[in-house]
Amino acid sequence: MKKLGSVLALLSSMGIAALMAQNLEYPQERHLKNLRQLTFGGENAEAYWSFDGQRLVFQRTDKEQGIPCDRIYYWSVAAENMQVQPPIPVSNGEGRTTCSYFLKGDSVVVFASTHAASPDCPPEPERSSGAYYWPIYPSFDLYLKNLRTGKYSRLTHREGYDAEATVSPKGDKIVFTSDRSGDLELWTMNIDGSDVKQVTHGLGYDGGAFFSPDGQYLVFRASRPKTPEEIEKYKRLFNQGLVAPSDMEIYVCKADGSDLRQVTRLGKANWAPFFHPSGKKILFSSNHASQRGYQFNLYMVNVDGSGLEQVTYDPVFDAFPMFSFDGKKLVFSSNRNNGGTRSTNLFIADWVD
């Protein structure tokens, strides 16, 4: 983190910092106001609000800063950037982590980690073929970290994928993705890890789930292989601990798995969904309109699949949106304003309906 000051000073001396500060918003982004960049460098993603709207918990990789794979941090949004107030570590600095989320009361964070299997970062999938896959590490388990006492507690104790946990706004349930049924399905549990129940049952990956504002519904991304070739490929990759994210759509269902409905039929990769504060719309990331597979923007759609609207317009990557619990703020990750580097940073904006 200490190097960030010198990096920004160098950018300023090159005249780049001033240029970057002018390009946070695009004219078409009428839903965003007072956009503010929070991080400057590294890969910063999956930032989620505390219930009181004062803090964010997120995952960060920055090999130049000695963070070799995703680690969890939390941070006060009152700070202007990391120079003012460095983020505070949540995970223990070992293994790889993902998908952190505040529990109600904002003193405990749930997240997934591989550190019990090894203190080292697990190997990333080979990309020599040009294909892009998500790894499904069987060493991921769910943990709770008490931010006041510093104590950890473990929620899952099995060899297999347990990750992608988020918490109901009611504060009573956790939803997560697990392979414990022999496929990647959604499951729910109580905050203490009890009363584990399977939610989805269709062949394919189900993940990235979030509760609706009233806690009654779930929105999530899913793949649904249908042809013999698609099914064979999905099962082959699954047995290798991999998922191909290039063909996913947005679904909703009740928290018990009933009333399952497909929301989008756009093709390509539609993911990172989150309910609008009204509960009647969904904000998500998609590359369906892009000629290049890596360009993702945020879109909004009604829960019945109608009224699709583009929200962000960065030419590279916008994803992981989350509304604050009062509905006034939006946080998301973006490649905008990164000076032509590959860094992904966090941004906060006032939401305009």
Protein backbone atom coordinates (compact mmCIF):
# COMPACT_ATOMS: atom_id res chain seq x y z
CA MET A 1 0.00 0.00 0.00
CA LYS A 2 2.91 2.37 0.66
CA LYS A 3 3.79 2.38 -3.03
CA LEU A 4 0.39 3.82 -4.00
CA GLY A 5 1.45 7.30 -2.97
CA SER A 6 4.54 7.21 -5.16
CA VAL A 7 2.54 5.75 -8.06
CA LEU A 8 -0.02 8.55 -7.92
CA ALA A 9 2.75 11.14 -7.56
CA LEU A 10 4.38 9.75 -10.68
CA LEU A 11 1.09 9.86 -12.59
CA SER A 12 0.58 13.43 -11.49
CA SER A 13 4.06 14.40 -12.67
CA MET A 14 3.20 12.89 -16.06
CA GLY A 15 -0.01 14.88 -16.23
CA ILE A 16 -2.05 11.69 -16.26
CA ALA A 17 -3.74 12.03 -12.87
CA ALA A 18 -5.54 15.19 -13.93
CA LEU A 19 -6.67 13.58 -17.17
CA MET A 20 -7.90 10.48 -15.34
CA ALA A 21 -9.93 12.52 -12.88
CA GLN A 22 -12.00 13.93 -15.75
CA ASN A 23 -13.10 10.58 -17.19
CA LEU A 24 -14.95 8.83 -14.38
CA GLU A 25 -18.41 9.17 -15.89
CA TYR A 26 -19.77 8.81 -19.41
CA PRO A 27 -22.53 11.18 -20.62
CA GLN A 28 -25.00 8.31 -21.13
CA GLU A 29 -24.73 7.17 -17.49
CA ARG A 30 -27.77 9.08 -16.31
CA HIS A 31 -28.38 6.78 -13.32
CA LEU A 32 -24.99 7.69 -11.80
CA LYS A 33 -24.17 10.95 -10.07
CA ASN A 34 -21.13 12.12 -8.10
CA LEU A 35 -19.09 9.11 -9.17
CA ARG A 36 -16.04 8.63 -6.95
CA GLN A 37 -13.07 6.33 -7.44
CA LEU A 38 -11.97 4.52 -4.30
CA THR A 39 -8.98 2.40 -5.33
CA PHE A 40 -6.06 3.07 -7.66
CA GLY A 41 -4.31 -0.08 -8.82
CA GLY A 42 -4.50 -3.82 -8.43
CA GLU A 43 -7.60 -5.95 -8.92
CA ASN A 44 -10.39 -4.81 -6.61
CA ALA A 45 -13.76 -6.52 -6.90
CA GLU A 46 -16.92 -7.76 -5.24
CA ALA A 47 -17.27 -4.81 -2.88
CA TYR A 48 -20.39 -5.10 -0.73
CA TRP A 49 -21.95 -2.63 1.69
CA SER A 50 -22.33 -2.92 5.43
CA PHE A 51 -25.92 -2.71 6.64
CA ASP A 52 -25.34 0.82 7.98
CA GLY A 53 -23.85 1.98 4.66
CA GLN A 54 -20.60 3.16 6.28
CA ARG A 55 -18.19 0.44 5.17
CA LEU A 56 -17.38 -1.86 2.28
CA VAL A 57 -15.91 -5.34 2.37
CA PHE A 58 -14.13 -6.47 -0.79
CA GLN A 59 -11.48 -8.74 -2.28
CA ARG A 60 -8.16 -7.52 -3.63
CA THR A 61 -5.21 -8.90 -5.58
CA ASP A 62 -2.11 -6.80 -6.18
CA LYS A 63 1.05 -8.76 -6.85
CA GLU A 64 3.14 -5.59 -6.92
CA GLN A 65 2.00 -4.90 -3.36
CA GLY A 66 2.63 -8.44 -2.12
CA ILE A 67 -0.97 -9.68 -2.45
CA PRO A 68 -0.54 -12.68 -4.78
CA CYS A 69 -4.20 -13.74 -4.92
CA ASP A 70 -7.55 -12.49 -3.63
CA ARG A 71 -7.58 -11.46 0.03
CA ILE A 72 -10.46 -9.86 1.94
CA TYR A 73 -10.41 -6.30 3.34
CA TYR A 74 -12.92 -3.88 4.77
CA TRP A 75 -12.79 -0.15 4.52
CA SER A 76 -14.63 3.01 5.51
CA VAL A 77 -16.26 4.77 2.55
CA ALA A 78 -15.63 8.07 4.32
CA ALA A 79 -12.01 7.90 3.13
CA GLU A 80 -11.19 9.51 -0.20
CA ASN A 81 -8.86 6.71 -1.27
CA MET A 82 -6.44 4.15 0.12
CA GLN A 83 -3.80 6.77 0.82
CA VAL A 84 -6.02 8.39 3.41
CA GLN A 85 -7.10 5.24 5.23
CA PRO A 86 -5.67 1.86 4.22
CA PRO A 87 -8.15 -1.01 4.13
CA ILE A 88 -8.12 -3.35 7.10
CA PRO A 89 -7.45 -7.07 6.47
CA VAL A 90 -10.26 -9.50 7.21
CA SER A 91 -8.72 -12.75 5.96
CA ASN A 92 -5.53 -14.05 7.53
CA GLY A 93 -3.24 -13.54 4.52
CA GLU A 94 -3.11 -17.21 3.57
CA GLY A 95 -4.71 -19.15 0.72
CA ARG A 96 -7.20 -17.61 -1.67
CA THR A 97 -10.46 -15.98 -0.59
CA THR A 98 -13.66 -14.89 -2.29
CA CYS A 99 -17.10 -13.38 -1.85
CA SER A 100 -17.17 -11.58 1.50
CA TYR A 101 -20.35 -10.11 3.01
CA PHE A 102 -21.33 -8.34 6.21
CA LEU A 103 -23.74 -10.01 8.62
CA LYS A 104 -26.43 -7.86 10.18
CA GLY A 105 -24.90 -5.71 12.90
CA ASP A 106 -21.79 -5.12 10.76
CA SER A 107 -19.36 -6.67 13.24
CA VAL A 108 -19.01 -10.04 11.50
CA VAL A 109 -18.06 -10.89 7.90
CA VAL A 110 -18.67 -14.17 6.09
CA PHE A 111 -16.25 -15.20 3.34
CA ALA A 112 -14.74 -18.27 1.66
CA SER A 113 -11.10 -19.28 1.97
CA THR A 114 -8.76 -22.09 0.96
CA HIS A 115 -6.24 -21.42 3.77
CA ALA A 116 -7.07 -24.58 5.76
CA ALA A 117 -5.77 -26.68 2.86
CA SER A 118 -2.64 -24.63 2.22
CA PRO A 119 -1.24 -21.20 3.04
CA ASP A 120 -0.27 -20.84 -0.65
CA CYS A 121 -2.48 -19.53 -3.42
CA PRO A 122 -4.05 -22.46 -5.31
CA PRO A 123 -2.96 -22.76 -8.96
CA GLU A 124 -4.99 -20.87 -11.56
CA PRO A 125 -6.42 -22.66 -14.63
CA GLU A 126 -4.21 -22.96 -17.69
CA ARG A 127 -5.09 -20.46 -20.42
CA SER A 128 -2.80 -21.76 -23.16
CA SER A 129 -5.82 -22.73 -25.29
CA GLY A 130 -7.24 -19.20 -25.07
CA ALA A 131 -10.35 -20.40 -23.24
CA TYR A 132 -11.32 -18.66 -20.00
CA TYR A 133 -12.56 -20.76 -17.07
CA TRP A 134 -13.50 -20.12 -13.46
CA PRO A 135 -11.78 -22.45 -10.98
CA ILE A 136 -13.99 -24.32 -8.52
CA TYR A 137 -11.49 -25.02 -5.76
CA PRO A 138 -12.57 -27.95 -3.55
CA SER A 139 -10.60 -26.40 -0.69
CA PHE A 140 -12.98 -23.43 -0.35
CA ASP A 141 -14.87 -23.40 2.95
CA LEU A 142 -16.99 -20.68 4.57
CA TYR A 143 -15.73 -18.72 7.57
CA LEU A 144 -16.94 -15.96 9.87
CA LYS A 145 -14.58 -13.24 11.08
CA ASN A 146 -15.55 -11.14 14.09
CA LEU A 147 -14.13 -7.69 13.35
CA ARG A 148 -14.25 -6.67 17.02
CA THR A 149 -12.52 -9.68 18.57
CA GLY A 150 -10.52 -10.84 15.56
CA LYS A 151 -11.72 -14.40 16.06
CA TYR A 152 -12.56 -16.78 13.19
CA SER A 153 -15.18 -19.50 13.17
CA ARG A 154 -15.69 -22.10 10.45
CA LEU A 155 -19.13 -22.72 8.98
CA THR A 156 -18.42 -25.61 6.60
CA HIS A 157 -16.12 -28.59 7.13
CA ARG A 158 -15.93 -30.70 4.00
CA GLU A 159 -13.75 -31.43 0.99
CA GLY A 160 -15.60 -29.69 -1.81
CA TYR A 161 -16.61 -26.27 -3.04
CA ASP A 162 -18.49 -24.08 -0.53
CA ALA A 163 -18.27 -20.40 -1.48
CA GLU A 164 -20.08 -17.36 -2.91
CA ALA A 165 -21.95 -16.64 0.32
CA THR A 166 -24.23 -13.60 0.78
CA VAL A 167 -26.65 -12.68 3.55
CA SER A 168 -30.37 -11.94 3.59
CA PRO A 169 -31.34 -8.32 4.39
CA LYS A 170 -33.43 -9.86 7.19
CA GLY A 171 -30.15 -11.10 8.69
CA ASP A 172 -31.37 -14.66 9.23
CA LYS A 173 -30.04 -16.66 6.28
CA ILE A 174 -26.91 -17.20 4.19
CA VAL A 175 -27.13 -18.36 0.57
CA PHE A 176 -24.08 -19.99 -1.01
CA THR A 177 -22.96 -22.24 -3.86
CA SER A 178 -21.85 -25.82 -3.15
CA ASP A 179 -21.03 -29.00 -5.05
CA ARG A 180 -22.20 -31.23 -2.19
CA SER A 181 -25.06 -32.65 -4.28
CA GLY A 182 -22.73 -33.61 -7.15
CA ASP A 183 -23.45 -30.41 -9.07
CA LEU A 184 -23.00 -26.68 -8.42
CA GLU A 185 -26.27 -25.65 -6.78
CA LEU A 186 -27.54 -22.94 -4.45
CA TRP A 187 -27.97 -23.79 -0.77
CA THR A 188 -29.13 -21.83 2.27
CA MET A 189 -28.20 -22.09 5.93
CA ASN A 190 -28.80 -20.23 9.15
CA ILE A 191 -26.19 -17.71 10.25
CA ASP A 192 -24.60 -20.28 12.55
CA GLY A 193 -24.32 -22.87 9.76
CA SER A 194 -27.31 -24.97 10.83
CA ASP A 195 -30.38 -26.01 8.80
CA VAL A 196 -28.58 -26.44 5.46
CA LYS A 197 -31.08 -26.76 2.59
CA GLN A 198 -30.68 -27.24 -1.15
CA VAL A 199 -32.41 -24.53 -3.22
CA THR A 200 -31.74 -25.33 -6.90
CA HIS A 201 -31.60 -28.68 -8.68
CA GLY A 202 -31.06 -28.13 -12.43
CA LEU A 203 -27.93 -29.40 -14.18
CA GLY A 204 -25.46 -26.54 -14.58
CA TYR A 205 -23.69 -23.96 -12.49
CA ASP A 206 -25.82 -21.83 -10.13
CA GLY A 207 -23.98 -19.08 -8.28
CA GLY A 208 -23.50 -15.46 -7.34
CA ALA A 209 -26.85 -15.37 -5.54
CA PHE A 210 -28.31 -12.40 -3.66
CA PHE A 211 -31.52 -12.00 -1.70
CA SER A 212 -34.26 -9.57 -2.68
CA PRO A 213 -34.75 -6.55 -0.36
CA ASP A 214 -37.55 -8.38 1.48
CA GLY A 215 -35.54 -11.60 1.73
CA GLN A 216 -38.19 -13.61 -0.11
CA TYR A 217 -36.45 -14.17 -3.44
CA LEU A 218 -32.99 -14.96 -4.80
CA VAL A 219 -31.40 -13.69 -8.00
CA PHE A 220 -28.45 -15.60 -9.44
CA ARG A 221 -26.45 -16.49 -12.55
CA ALA A 222 -26.77 -19.93 -14.06
CA SER A 223 -25.64 -22.09 -16.95
CA ARG A 224 -28.10 -24.63 -18.31
CA PRO A 225 -26.44 -27.01 -20.79
CA LYS A 226 -29.07 -28.63 -23.01
CA THR A 227 -27.54 -30.41 -25.98
CA PRO A 228 -25.54 -33.63 -25.51
CA GLU A 229 -22.39 -31.72 -26.47
CA GLU A 230 -23.07 -28.93 -23.95
CA ILE A 231 -23.84 -31.43 -21.20
CA GLU A 232 -20.69 -33.42 -21.92
CA LYS A 233 -18.54 -30.28 -21.85
CA TYR A 234 -20.10 -29.02 -18.60
CA LYS A 235 -19.61 -32.36 -16.83
CA ARG A 236 -16.05 -32.72 -18.14
CA LEU A 237 -15.08 -29.25 -16.92
CA PHE A 238 -16.88 -29.78 -13.61
CA ASN A 239 -14.87 -32.96 -13.00
CA GLN A 240 -11.74 -30.89 -13.63
CA GLY A 241 -12.86 -28.26 -11.10
CA LEU A 242 -13.73 -25.69 -13.78
CA VAL A 243 -16.72 -23.71 -15.04
CA ALA A 244 -17.00 -21.94 -18.41
CA PRO A 245 -18.68 -18.57 -17.70
CA SER A 246 -19.25 -17.69 -21.35
CA ASP A 247 -22.91 -18.82 -21.50
CA MET A 248 -24.90 -17.75 -18.45
CA GLU A 249 -28.27 -16.12 -17.88
CA ILE A 250 -30.00 -14.47 -14.91
CA TYR A 251 -32.61 -16.41 -12.93
CA VAL A 252 -34.81 -15.71 -9.90
CA CYS A 253 -36.56 -18.04 -7.49
CA LYS A 254 -38.03 -17.94 -4.01
CA ALA A 255 -35.58 -18.59 -1.20
CA ASP A 256 -36.91 -22.16 -0.91
CA GLY A 257 -36.33 -22.81 -4.62
CA SER A 258 -39.93 -22.52 -5.77
CA ASP A 259 -41.18 -20.15 -8.49
CA LEU A 260 -37.96 -20.55 -10.50
CA ARG A 261 -37.91 -18.22 -13.53
CA GLN A 262 -35.39 -17.31 -16.21
CA VAL A 263 -35.10 -13.53 -16.46
CA THR A 264 -32.67 -12.94 -19.34
CA ARG A 265 -32.31 -14.66 -22.70
CA LEU A 266 -29.55 -12.50 -24.09
CA GLY A 267 -26.82 -15.00 -24.87
CA LYS A 268 -23.14 -14.80 -23.94
CA ALA A 269 -22.25 -14.04 -20.29
CA ASN A 270 -24.85 -12.44 -18.00
CA TRP A 271 -23.78 -12.43 -14.36
CA ALA A 272 -23.21 -10.44 -11.14
CA PRO A 273 -26.93 -9.71 -10.63
CA PHE A 274 -28.32 -7.63 -7.77
CA PHE A 275 -31.87 -6.55 -6.96
CA HIS A 276 -32.86 -2.91 -7.38
CA PRO A 277 -34.11 -1.48 -4.03
CA SER A 278 -37.69 -1.75 -5.32
CA GLY A 279 -37.32 -5.52 -5.71
CA LYS A 280 -38.90 -5.16 -9.15
CA LYS A 281 -35.73 -4.73 -11.23
CA ILE A 282 -32.34 -6.39 -11.43
CA LEU A 283 -28.96 -4.77 -12.13
CA PHE A 284 -26.40 -7.10 -13.72
CA SER A 285 -23.27 -7.25 -15.87
CA SER A 286 -23.30 -8.52 -19.45
CA ASN A 287 -21.24 -8.71 -22.61
CA HIS A 288 -24.21 -9.68 -24.83
CA ALA A 289 -24.04 -6.45 -26.87
CA SER A 290 -20.27 -6.47 -27.27
CA GLN A 291 -18.32 -7.56 -30.30
CA ARG A 292 -15.44 -8.31 -27.94
CA GLY A 293 -16.01 -10.90 -25.26
CA TYR A 294 -14.19 -8.91 -22.58
CA GLN A 295 -16.36 -5.77 -22.74
CA PHE A 296 -18.90 -5.91 -19.92
CA ASN A 297 -21.38 -3.20 -18.95
CA LEU A 298 -24.09 -2.89 -16.33
CA TYR A 299 -27.70 -3.34 -17.45
CA MET A 300 -31.03 -3.14 -15.66
CA VAL A 301 -34.07 -5.28 -16.42
CA ASN A 302 -37.49 -5.92 -14.89
CA VAL A 303 -37.82 -9.21 -13.02
CA ASP A 304 -40.08 -10.49 -15.81
CA GLY A 305 -37.30 -9.90 -18.36
CA SER A 306 -38.82 -6.78 -19.93
CA GLY A 307 -37.49 -3.23 -20.09
CA LEU A 308 -33.79 -3.94 -20.65
CA GLU A 309 -31.74 -0.75 -20.16
CA GLN A 310 -28.00 -0.12 -20.39
CA VAL A 311 -26.64 1.65 -17.32
CA THR A 312 -22.85 1.95 -17.79
CA TYR A 313 -20.76 2.52 -20.91
CA ASP A 314 -17.11 1.82 -20.13
CA PRO A 315 -15.50 0.21 -23.20
CA VAL A 316 -13.79 -2.52 -21.16
CA PHE A 317 -15.37 -3.77 -17.92
CA ASP A 318 -18.08 -2.83 -15.41
CA ALA A 319 -19.39 -5.47 -12.98
CA PHE A 320 -20.24 -6.44 -9.36
CA PRO A 321 -22.89 -3.77 -8.65
CA MET A 322 -24.47 -3.51 -5.21
CA PHE A 323 -26.95 -0.96 -3.90
CA SER A 324 -26.54 0.31 -0.37
CA PHE A 325 -29.34 -0.87 1.89
CA ASP A 326 -31.01 2.55 1.80
CA GLY A 327 -30.92 2.45 -2.01
CA LYS A 328 -29.10 5.76 -2.32
CA LYS A 329 -25.63 4.55 -3.33
CA LEU A 330 -24.19 2.10 -5.83
CA VAL A 331 -20.76 0.49 -5.64
CA PHE A 332 -19.27 -1.39 -8.58
CA SER A 333 -15.93 -2.44 -10.10
CA SER A 334 -14.61 -1.00 -13.35
CA ASN A 335 -11.59 -0.75 -15.61
CA ARG A 336 -12.36 2.89 -16.34
CA ASN A 337 -9.80 5.52 -15.49
CA ASN A 338 -6.94 3.04 -15.06
CA GLY A 339 -4.45 4.80 -17.33
CA GLY A 340 -4.42 1.98 -19.86
CA THR A 341 -3.34 -0.63 -17.31
CA ARG A 342 -5.24 -3.79 -16.39
CA SER A 343 -6.19 -2.58 -12.93
CA THR A 344 -9.80 -2.96 -11.81
CA ASN A 345 -10.95 -0.42 -9.24
CA LEU A 346 -13.90 0.31 -6.98
CA PHE A 347 -16.30 3.17 -7.66
CA ILE A 348 -19.18 4.68 -5.66
CA ALA A 349 -21.98 6.78 -7.11
CA ASP A 350 -25.22 8.33 -6.01
CA TRP A 351 -28.04 6.38 -7.69
CA VAL A 352 -30.57 8.33 -9.74
CA ASP A 353 -33.75 6.41 -10.63
